[in-house]
Amino acid sequence: MATYAGKLSHDIDRWAERGLIDAATAAALRRDVEQTSRSAISLGAVLSVMAAVLVCAAILILIAANIDEIPRIVRVLGLFAIIAVSYLGGAALKARERTSFGEALYLIGLAAFGASIALIGQMYHMSGDEAQAIMIWCLGGILAAVLLKSPILTNASVLIACAWLLIAFDWGRIDHGPSYIFLVLMAVIWAISYWTESRVARHMVILAVLFYAFLYALSDDAVTVGVILIALSIGVFAAAYLAPDAVERFAQLGGPQPIHPLICFLLGVGLLQAQFADDFGPMLMLSLIAFAGIVTALVLRGRESRLMRWVAYLAFILELTLLYFMTIGSMVDTGALFLFSGFALAAVAFVISRIERRIVQGQGT
């Protein structure tokens, strides 16, 4: 990000010297670049969060390993002290613009809160199961994120909610109606992510909802879920392509994000292919639909996201490999098999080279 910011600042100076923009516009652009570069993820921020995660693990291990040696009142007061120090200390550091360290302390406080729930429930033999404790932990994280306006607590709440989703339900059964609470949680976290200014949380919520759809499909009607995901992905992709500014004003994901509808589309196609794995006709039709979706995404939105291009290329190769194994049984001999392989690889190389050429030409204009 620093390299990009430096290059952009140099370009702004050059535009101002050539008279392409006035001095006021140049100054406004420089301020925006400086603010954006400061908000970018730095090595110090990453290391502080990693240190916080290690401290969280140490707290949990210490409590678990010395559960009998430490008196009850000491355990409880110690955890409450960690929570108070972490939240108050984090707020003080953020007030001094030491944001990354403050957020790391918030994360330690949330871990101590989760440990205190488990410890108090175990000491006093309170009724309830593990899933209920994780739900309380999640709700506490959401409340703390709102009160402290913390992006990292918002992100952590998504992960805790996913843990609750995995533990609370037997996904081998059809009856899992209460799992819809997870979607309510995701909607709440999405809403508060605007308040906490956590763009990462919104990306995580989208992926978490897709994870929920995958689990739901495994235990229920995969065909219906697959069709819904395909239709939803096409609708979102079309909306983002036809009205990108309006979609970005709502989602605020940091620009065009074609990777989310592409992943949704591929997941839907994959669920349908898993249901028709033994039927060559539907499998071939689904593979052609997948190819069409991948190529459409690359041609229309490929230049906005390199990550999306790599996901599309990988999906293209996997679909071609799947098609290869579907047709391998109908090959007459080894020579025909090699001939098919050669044409298949040539097709992949041709399509990817054409797409990359269009992207390069589009970026140059």
Foldseek 3Di string as FASTA:
>chain_A
DVVVLVVVLVVLVVCCVVVVDDPVVSVVVNVVSVVVVVPDDDPVLVVLLVVLVVVLVVLLCVCVVCVPVDDPVCLLVVLVVLLVCLQVVLLVCVVVVVNSNSLSSNSNNLSSVLSNLVSVCVVVVDDDDPLVSLVVSLVVLLVSCLVSLHQSSLQVSLVSLLVSLVPVDDLQALPDVVSCVSVVSLVSSQVCCVSSVHLVSLVSSLVSVLVVLLSNVVNHPLLVSLVVLQVVLVVVVVCCLVPVPVVCVVSVNPGDDNQSSLVSNLSSLVSVCVVCVPPLVVLVVSLVVNLVVLLVCLQRPVLPDVVSVVVSLVSNVVSLVSVLVSCVVVQPDVVSSVVVVVVSVVVSVVSSVVSVVSSVVVVVD
